[in-house]
Amino acid sequence: PPMIAWIIALSTSIFGDTELAVRLPAAVLGTLGL
């Protein structure tokens, strides 16, 4: 489904097309889920 693409698009639109921008949502979601 499309959620992964939507979230990465949101992050890269703010922080640019970088490795950090791609992976930043994982750090946020994986931690806030706790």
PDB file of all heavy atoms in Angstrom:
ATOM      1  N   PRO A   1       0.840  -1.205   0.000  1.00  0.00           N
ATOM      2  CA  PRO A   1       0.000   0.000   0.000  1.00  0.00           C
ATOM      3  C   PRO A   1       0.873   1.252   0.000  1.00  0.00           C
ATOM      4  O   PRO A   1       2.098   1.184   0.143  1.00  0.00           O
ATOM      5  CB  PRO A   1      -0.807  -0.144   1.294  1.00  0.00           C
ATOM      6  CG  PRO A   1      -0.727  -1.588   1.658  1.00  0.00           C
ATOM      7  CD  PRO A   1       0.623  -2.038   1.186  1.00  0.00           C
ATOM      8  N   PRO A   2       0.275   2.432  -0.098  1.00  0.00           N
ATOM      9  CA  PRO A   2       1.061   3.641  -0.397  1.00  0.00           C
ATOM     10  C   PRO A   2       1.668   4.378   0.789  1.00  0.00           C
ATOM     11  O   PRO A   2       2.419   5.336   0.585  1.00  0.00           O
ATOM     12  CB  PRO A   2       0.033   4.533  -1.086  1.00  0.00           C
ATOM     13  CG  PRO A   2      -1.270   4.170  -0.430  1.00  0.00           C
ATOM     14  CD  PRO A   2      -1.172   2.687  -0.185  1.00  0.00           C
ATOM     15  N   MET A   3       1.380   3.995   2.039  1.00  0.00           N
ATOM     16  CA  MET A   3       1.783   4.805   3.187  1.00  0.00           C
ATOM     17  C   MET A   3       3.280   5.074   3.225  1.00  0.00           C
ATOM     18  O   MET A   3       3.724   6.188   3.518  1.00  0.00           O
ATOM     19  CB  MET A   3       1.332   4.145   4.478  1.00  0.00           C
ATOM     20  CG  MET A   3       1.671   4.943   5.744  1.00  0.00           C
ATOM     21  SD  MET A   3       0.853   6.569   5.815  1.00  0.00           S
ATOM     22  CE  MET A   3      -0.842   6.046   6.122  1.00  0.00           C
ATOM     23  N   ILE A   4       4.106   4.066   2.950  1.00  0.00           N
ATOM     24  CA  ILE A   4       5.554   4.225   3.031  1.00  0.00           C
ATOM     25  C   ILE A   4       6.020   5.324   2.089  1.00  0.00           C
ATOM     26  O   ILE A   4       6.877   6.150   2.439  1.00  0.00           O
ATOM     27  CB  ILE A   4       6.272   2.882   2.730  1.00  0.00           C
ATOM     28  CG1 ILE A   4       7.775   3.014   2.880  1.00  0.00           C
ATOM     29  CG2 ILE A   4       5.940   2.377   1.343  1.00  0.00           C
ATOM     30  CD1 ILE A   4       8.258   2.997   4.279  1.00  0.00           C
ATOM     31  N   ALA A   5       5.461   5.372   0.885  1.00  0.00           N
ATOM     32  CA  ALA A   5       5.850   6.401  -0.082  1.00  0.00           C
ATOM     33  C   ALA A   5       5.391   7.775   0.386  1.00  0.00           C
ATOM     34  O   ALA A   5       6.131   8.770   0.246  1.00  0.00           O
ATOM     35  CB  ALA A   5       5.275   6.087  -1.456  1.00  0.00           C
ATOM     36  N   TRP A   6       4.200   7.864   0.939  1.00  0.00           N
ATOM     37  CA  TRP A   6       3.690   9.151   1.412  1.00  0.00           C
ATOM     38  C   TRP A   6       4.564   9.722   2.525  1.00  0.00           C
ATOM     39  O   TRP A   6       4.870  10.917   2.547  1.00  0.00           O
ATOM     40  CB  TRP A   6       2.259   8.988   1.916  1.00  0.00           C
ATOM     41  CG  TRP A   6       1.265   8.577   0.878  1.00  0.00           C
ATOM     42  CD1 TRP A   6       1.467   8.477  -0.471  1.00  0.00           C
ATOM     43  CD2 TRP A   6      -0.096   8.207   1.106  1.00  0.00           C
ATOM     44  NE1 TRP A   6       0.320   8.053  -1.091  1.00  0.00           N
ATOM     45  CE2 TRP A   6      -0.659   7.880  -0.157  1.00  0.00           C
ATOM     46  CE3 TRP A   6      -0.885   8.100   2.235  1.00  0.00           C
ATOM     47  CZ2 TRP A   6      -1.983   7.474  -0.302  1.00  0.00           C
ATOM     48  CZ3 TRP A   6      -2.207   7.685   2.100  1.00  0.00           C
ATOM     49  CH2 TRP A   6      -2.742   7.384   0.848  1.00  0.00           C
ATOM     50  N   ILE A   7       4.946   8.860   3.466  1.00  0.00           N
ATOM     51  CA  ILE A   7       5.740   9.331   4.599  1.00  0.00           C
ATOM     52  C   ILE A   7       7.123   9.774   4.146  1.00  0.00           C
ATOM     53  O   ILE A   7       7.624  10.829   4.572  1.00  0.00           O
ATOM     54  CB  ILE A   7       5.838   8.238   5.676  1.00  0.00           C
ATOM     55  CG1 ILE A   7       4.466   7.980   6.300  1.00  0.00           C
ATOM     56  CG2 ILE A   7       6.846   8.623   6.752  1.00  0.00           C
ATOM     57  CD1 ILE A   7       4.441   6.834   7.290  1.00  0.00           C
ATOM     58  N   ILE A   8       7.765   8.989   3.281  1.00  0.00           N
ATOM     59  CA  ILE A   8       9.088   9.387   2.783  1.00  0.00           C
ATOM     60  C   ILE A   8       8.989  10.684   1.994  1.00  0.00           C
ATOM     61  O   ILE A   8       9.853  11.567   2.112  1.00  0.00           O
ATOM     62  CB  ILE A   8       9.696   8.264   1.924  1.00  0.00           C
ATOM     63  CG1 ILE A   8      10.016   7.049   2.797  1.00  0.00           C
ATOM     64  CG2 ILE A   8      10.962   8.745   1.219  1.00  0.00           C
ATOM     65  CD1 ILE A   8      10.537   5.853   2.025  1.00  0.00           C
ATOM     66  N   ALA A   9       7.937  10.823   1.195  1.00  0.00           N
ATOM     67  CA  ALA A   9       7.752  12.059   0.424  1.00  0.00           C
ATOM     68  C   ALA A   9       7.626  13.263   1.351  1.00  0.00           C
ATOM     69  O   ALA A   9       8.175  14.340   1.073  1.00  0.00           O
ATOM     70  CB  ALA A   9       6.527  11.940  -0.470  1.00  0.00           C
ATOM     71  N   LEU A  10       6.895  13.109   2.448  1.00  0.00           N
ATOM     72  CA  LEU A  10       6.748  14.210   3.405  1.00  0.00           C
ATOM     73  C   LEU A  10       8.091  14.575   4.005  1.00  0.00           C
ATOM     74  O   LEU A  10       8.454  15.759   4.089  1.00  0.00           O
ATOM     75  CB  LEU A  10       5.765  13.808   4.509  1.00  0.00           C
ATOM     76  CG  LEU A  10       5.582  14.812   5.651  1.00  0.00           C
ATOM     77  CD1 LEU A  10       5.041  16.129   5.130  1.00  0.00           C
ATOM     78  CD2 LEU A  10       4.675  14.235   6.738  1.00  0.00           C
ATOM     79  N   SER A  11       8.858  13.574   4.420  1.00  0.00           N
ATOM     80  CA  SER A  11      10.152  13.839   5.046  1.00  0.00           C
ATOM     81  C   SER A  11      11.138  14.469   4.073  1.00  0.00           C
ATOM     82  O   SER A  11      11.811  15.455   4.394  1.00  0.00           O
ATOM     83  CB  SER A  11      10.728  12.538   5.609  1.00  0.00           C
ATOM     84  OG  SER A  11      11.970  12.766   6.242  1.00  0.00           O
ATOM     85  N   THR A  12      11.222  13.933   2.853  1.00  0.00           N
ATOM     86  CA  THR A  12      12.193  14.466   1.894  1.00  0.00           C
ATOM     87  C   THR A  12      11.781  15.834   1.370  1.00  0.00           C
ATOM     88  O   THR A  12      12.645  16.626   0.968  1.00  0.00           O
ATOM     89  CB  THR A  12      12.378  13.495   0.718  1.00  0.00           C
ATOM     90  OG1 THR A  12      11.097  13.199   0.131  1.00  0.00           O
ATOM     91  CG2 THR A  12      13.023  12.201   1.184  1.00  0.00           C
ATOM     92  N   SER A  13      10.484  16.128   1.375  1.00  0.00           N
ATOM     93  CA  SER A  13      10.050  17.462   0.948  1.00  0.00           C
ATOM     94  C   SER A  13      10.495  18.529   1.940  1.00  0.00           C
ATOM     95  O   SER A  13      10.664  19.697   1.574  1.00  0.00           O
ATOM     96  CB  SER A  13       8.528  17.494   0.788  1.00  0.00           C
ATOM     97  OG  SER A  13       7.873  17.365   2.055  1.00  0.00           O
ATOM     98  N   ILE A  14      10.708  18.121   3.183  1.00  0.00           N
ATOM     99  CA  ILE A  14      11.143  19.063   4.226  1.00  0.00           C
ATOM    100  C   ILE A  14      12.662  19.090   4.340  1.00  0.00           C
ATOM    101  O   ILE A  14      13.277  20.153   4.413  1.00  0.00           O
ATOM    102  CB  ILE A  14      10.512  18.679   5.583  1.00  0.00           C
ATOM    103  CG1 ILE A  14       8.992  18.756   5.515  1.00  0.00           C
ATOM    104  CG2 ILE A  14      11.046  19.587   6.697  1.00  0.00           C
ATOM    105  CD1 ILE A  14       8.291  18.212   6.753  1.00  0.00           C
ATOM    106  N   PHE A  15      13.284  17.911   4.334  1.00  0.00           N
ATOM    107  CA  PHE A  15      14.714  17.810   4.633  1.00  0.00           C
ATOM    108  C   PHE A  15      15.587  17.484   3.423  1.00  0.00           C
ATOM    109  O   PHE A  15      16.803  17.375   3.553  1.00  0.00           O
ATOM    110  CB  PHE A  15      14.942  16.743   5.717  1.00  0.00           C
ATOM    111  CG  PHE A  15      14.191  17.019   6.994  1.00  0.00           C
ATOM    112  CD1 PHE A  15      13.073  16.269   7.328  1.00  0.00           C
ATOM    113  CD2 PHE A  15      14.602  18.036   7.850  1.00  0.00           C
ATOM    114  CE1 PHE A  15      12.378  16.519   8.508  1.00  0.00           C
ATOM    115  CE2 PHE A  15      13.899  18.290   9.028  1.00  0.00           C
ATOM    116  CZ  PHE A  15      12.791  17.533   9.349  1.00  0.00           C
ATOM    117  N   GLY A  16      14.975  17.303   2.249  1.00  0.00           N
ATOM    118  CA  GLY A  16      15.749  17.013   1.057  1.00  0.00           C
ATOM    119  C   GLY A  16      15.899  15.521   0.823  1.00  0.00           C
ATOM    120  O   GLY A  16      15.635  14.697   1.700  1.00  0.00           O
ATOM    121  N   ASP A  17      16.342  15.165  -0.378  1.00  0.00           N
ATOM    122  CA  ASP A  17      16.489  13.756  -0.750  1.00  0.00           C
ATOM    123  C   ASP A  17      17.828  13.218  -0.272  1.00  0.00           C
ATOM    124  O   ASP A  17      18.763  13.020  -1.056  1.00  0.00           O
ATOM    125  CB  ASP A  17      16.350  13.603  -2.268  1.00  0.00           C
ATOM    126  CG  ASP A  17      14.932  13.869  -2.743  1.00  0.00           C
ATOM    127  OD1 ASP A  17      14.030  13.112  -2.340  1.00  0.00           O
ATOM    128  OD2 ASP A  17      14.732  14.839  -3.493  1.00  0.00           O
ATOM    129  N   THR A  18      17.923  12.981   1.035  1.00  0.00           N
ATOM    130  CA  THR A  18      19.145  12.495   1.659  1.00  0.00           C
ATOM    131  C   THR A  18      18.846  11.206   2.415  1.00  0.00           C
ATOM    132  O   THR A  18      17.686  10.877   2.682  1.00  0.00           O
ATOM    133  CB  THR A  18      19.709  13.529   2.636  1.00  0.00           C
ATOM    134  OG1 THR A  18      18.769  13.714   3.722  1.00  0.00           O
ATOM    135  CG2 THR A  18      19.946  14.880   1.951  1.00  0.00           C
ATOM    136  N   GLU A  19      19.909  10.490   2.778  1.00  0.00           N
ATOM    137  CA  GLU A  19      19.730   9.276   3.569  1.00  0.00           C
ATOM    138  C   GLU A  19      19.048   9.589   4.893  1.00  0.00           C
ATOM    139  O   GLU A  19      18.166   8.847   5.343  1.00  0.00           O
ATOM    140  CB  GLU A  19      21.087   8.615   3.807  1.00  0.00           C
ATOM    141  CG  GLU A  19      21.717   8.040   2.553  1.00  0.00           C
ATOM    142  CD  GLU A  19      23.165   7.659   2.765  1.00  0.00           C
ATOM    143  OE1 GLU A  19      23.765   8.159   3.746  1.00  0.00           O
ATOM    144  OE2 GLU A  19      23.698   6.876   1.956  1.00  0.00           O
ATOM    145  N   LEU A  20      19.446  10.680   5.542  1.00  0.00           N
ATOM    146  CA  LEU A  20      18.841  11.044   6.820  1.00  0.00           C
ATOM    147  C   LEU A  20      17.351  11.302   6.659  1.00  0.00           C
ATOM    148  O   LEU A  20      16.541  10.854   7.483  1.00  0.00           O
ATOM    149  CB  LEU A  20      19.533  12.276   7.408  1.00  0.00           C
ATOM    150  CG  LEU A  20      18.917  12.830   8.697  1.00  0.00           C
ATOM    151  CD1 LEU A  20      18.951  11.778   9.798  1.00  0.00           C
ATOM    152  CD2 LEU A  20      19.648  14.097   9.146  1.00  0.00           C
ATOM    153  N   ALA A  21      16.960  12.022   5.608  1.00  0.00           N
ATOM    154  CA  ALA A  21      15.547  12.329   5.411  1.00  0.00           C
ATOM    155  C   ALA A  21      14.733  11.072   5.146  1.00  0.00           C
ATOM    156  O   ALA A  21      13.587  10.959   5.594  1.00  0.00           O
ATOM    157  CB  ALA A  21      15.395  13.311   4.251  1.00  0.00           C
ATOM    158  N   VAL A  22      15.305  10.114   4.424  1.00  0.00           N
ATOM    159  CA  VAL A  22      14.600   8.860   4.157  1.00  0.00           C
ATOM    160  C   VAL A  22      14.405   8.075   5.441  1.00  0.00           C
ATOM    161  O   VAL A  22      13.334   7.510   5.698  1.00  0.00           O
ATOM    162  CB  VAL A  22      15.370   8.020   3.116  1.00  0.00           C
ATOM    163  CG1 VAL A  22      14.746   6.630   2.986  1.00  0.00           C
ATOM    164  CG2 VAL A  22      15.376   8.718   1.760  1.00  0.00           C
ATOM    165  N   ARG A  23      15.430   8.046   6.290  1.00  0.00           N
ATOM    166  CA  ARG A  23      15.387   7.200   7.488  1.00  0.00           C
ATOM    167  C   ARG A  23      14.808   7.894   8.718  1.00  0.00           C
ATOM    168  O   ARG A  23      14.469   7.214   9.695  1.00  0.00           O
ATOM    169  CB  ARG A  23      16.802   6.714   7.802  1.00  0.00           C
ATOM    170  CG  ARG A  23      17.294   5.663   6.836  1.00  0.00           C
ATOM    171  CD  ARG A  23      18.713   5.269   7.088  1.00  0.00           C
ATOM    172  NE  ARG A  23      19.064   4.067   6.321  1.00  0.00           N
ATOM    173  CZ  ARG A  23      20.293   3.715   6.009  1.00  0.00           C
ATOM    174  NH1 ARG A  23      21.324   4.443   6.408  1.00  0.00           N
ATOM    175  NH2 ARG A  23      20.514   2.612   5.313  1.00  0.00           N
ATOM    176  N   LEU A  24      14.695   9.196   8.697  1.00  0.00           N
ATOM    177  CA  LEU A  24      14.207   9.919   9.873  1.00  0.00           C
ATOM    178  C   LEU A  24      12.831   9.437  10.338  1.00  0.00           C
ATOM    179  O   LEU A  24      12.611   9.258  11.542  1.00  0.00           O
ATOM    180  CB  LEU A  24      14.182  11.424   9.584  1.00  0.00           C
ATOM    181  CG  LEU A  24      13.821  12.333  10.758  1.00  0.00           C
ATOM    182  CD1 LEU A  24      14.837  12.190  11.890  1.00  0.00           C
ATOM    183  CD2 LEU A  24      13.740  13.792  10.294  1.00  0.00           C
ATOM    184  N   PRO A  25      11.864   9.193   9.436  1.00  0.00           N
ATOM    185  CA  PRO A  25      10.565   8.704   9.912  1.00  0.00           C
ATOM    186  C   PRO A  25      10.655   7.378  10.656  1.00  0.00           C
ATOM    187  O   PRO A  25       9.848   7.125  11.556  1.00  0.00           O
ATOM    188  CB  PRO A  25       9.754   8.559   8.615  1.00  0.00           C
ATOM    189  CG  PRO A  25      10.399   9.493   7.652  1.00  0.00           C
ATOM    190  CD  PRO A  25      11.859   9.449   7.976  1.00  0.00           C
ATOM    191  N   ALA A  26      11.624   6.522  10.287  1.00  0.00           N
ATOM    192  CA  ALA A  26      11.771   5.251  10.997  1.00  0.00           C
ATOM    193  C   ALA A  26      12.164   5.492  12.444  1.00  0.00           C
ATOM    194  O   ALA A  26      11.637   4.848  13.360  1.00  0.00           O
ATOM    195  CB  ALA A  26      12.823   4.376  10.296  1.00  0.00           C
ATOM    196  N   ALA A  27      13.103   6.409  12.664  1.00  0.00           N
ATOM    197  CA  ALA A  27      13.522   6.728  14.029  1.00  0.00           C
ATOM    198  C   ALA A  27      12.358   7.296  14.834  1.00  0.00           C
ATOM    199  O   ALA A  27      12.162   6.945  16.012  1.00  0.00           O
ATOM    200  CB  ALA A  27      14.691   7.711  13.999  1.00  0.00           C
ATOM    201  N   VAL A  28      11.574   8.166  14.211  1.00  0.00           N
ATOM    202  CA  VAL A  28      10.466   8.819  14.919  1.00  0.00           C
ATOM    203  C   VAL A  28       9.343   7.818  15.204  1.00  0.00           C
ATOM    204  O   VAL A  28       8.887   7.680  16.347  1.00  0.00           O
ATOM    205  CB  VAL A  28       9.942  10.006  14.098  1.00  0.00           C
ATOM    206  CG1 VAL A  28       8.689  10.594  14.745  1.00  0.00           C
ATOM    207  CG2 VAL A  28      11.027  11.086  13.972  1.00  0.00           C
ATOM    208  N   LEU A  29       8.890   7.113  14.188  1.00  0.00           N
ATOM    209  CA  LEU A  29       7.767   6.183  14.363  1.00  0.00           C
ATOM    210  C   LEU A  29       8.149   5.000  15.247  1.00  0.00           C
ATOM    211  O   LEU A  29       7.372   4.567  16.108  1.00  0.00           O
ATOM    212  CB  LEU A  29       7.290   5.689  13.006  1.00  0.00           C
ATOM    213  CG  LEU A  29       6.660   6.734  12.087  1.00  0.00           C
ATOM    214  CD1 LEU A  29       6.393   6.145  10.707  1.00  0.00           C
ATOM    215  CD2 LEU A  29       5.374   7.286  12.679  1.00  0.00           C
ATOM    216  N   GLY A  30       9.365   4.460  15.030  1.00  0.00           N
ATOM    217  CA  GLY A  30       9.794   3.314  15.820  1.00  0.00           C
ATOM    218  C   GLY A  30       9.938   3.623  17.291  1.00  0.00           C
ATOM    219  O   GLY A  30       9.764   2.742  18.149  1.00  0.00           O
ATOM    220  N   THR A  31      10.240   4.887  17.607  1.00  0.00           N
ATOM    221  CA  THR A  31      10.407   5.280  19.010  1.00  0.00           C
ATOM    222  C   THR A  31       9.084   5.735  19.630  1.00  0.00           C
ATOM    223  O   THR A  31       8.743   5.336  20.746  1.00  0.00           O
ATOM    224  CB  THR A  31      11.445   6.403  19.134  1.00  0.00           C
ATOM    225  OG1 THR A  31      12.649   5.997  18.476  1.00  0.00           O
ATOM    226  CG2 THR A  31      11.746   6.699  20.591  1.00  0.00           C
ATOM    227  N   LEU A  32       8.332   6.552  18.907  1.00  0.00           N
ATOM    228  CA  LEU A  32       7.068   7.039  19.463  1.00  0.00           C
ATOM    229  C   LEU A  32       6.060   5.903  19.645  1.00  0.00           C
ATOM    230  O   LEU A  32       5.175   5.992  20.499  1.00  0.00           O
ATOM    231  CB  LEU A  32       6.484   8.124  18.560  1.00  0.00           C
ATOM    232  CG  LEU A  32       7.298   9.424  18.468  1.00  0.00           C
ATOM    233  CD1 LEU A  32       6.542  10.466  17.643  1.00  0.00           C
ATOM    234  CD2 LEU A  32       7.625   9.979  19.854  1.00  0.00           C
ATOM    235  N   GLY A  33       6.185   4.847  18.861  1.00  0.00           N
ATOM    236  CA  GLY A  33       5.306   3.701  19.059  1.00  0.00           C
ATOM    237  C   GLY A  33       5.452   3.101  20.447  1.00  0.00           C
ATOM    238  O   GLY A  33       4.511   2.494  20.979  1.00  0.00           O
ATOM    239  N   LEU A  34       6.643   3.264  21.049  1.00  0.00           N
ATOM    240  CA  LEU A  34       6.841   2.768  22.414  1.00  0.00           C
ATOM    241  C   LEU A  34       5.943   3.494  23.411  1.00  0.00           C
ATOM    242  O   LEU A  34       5.646   2.971  24.484  1.00  0.00           O
ATOM    243  CB  LEU A  34       8.307   2.932  22.813  1.00  0.00           C
ATOM    244  CG  LEU A  34       9.325   2.130  21.988  1.00  0.00           C
ATOM    245  CD1 LEU A  34      10.744   2.471  22.420  1.00  0.00           C
ATOM    246  CD2 LEU A  34       9.069   0.641  22.146  1.00  0.00           C
TER     247      LEU A  34
END
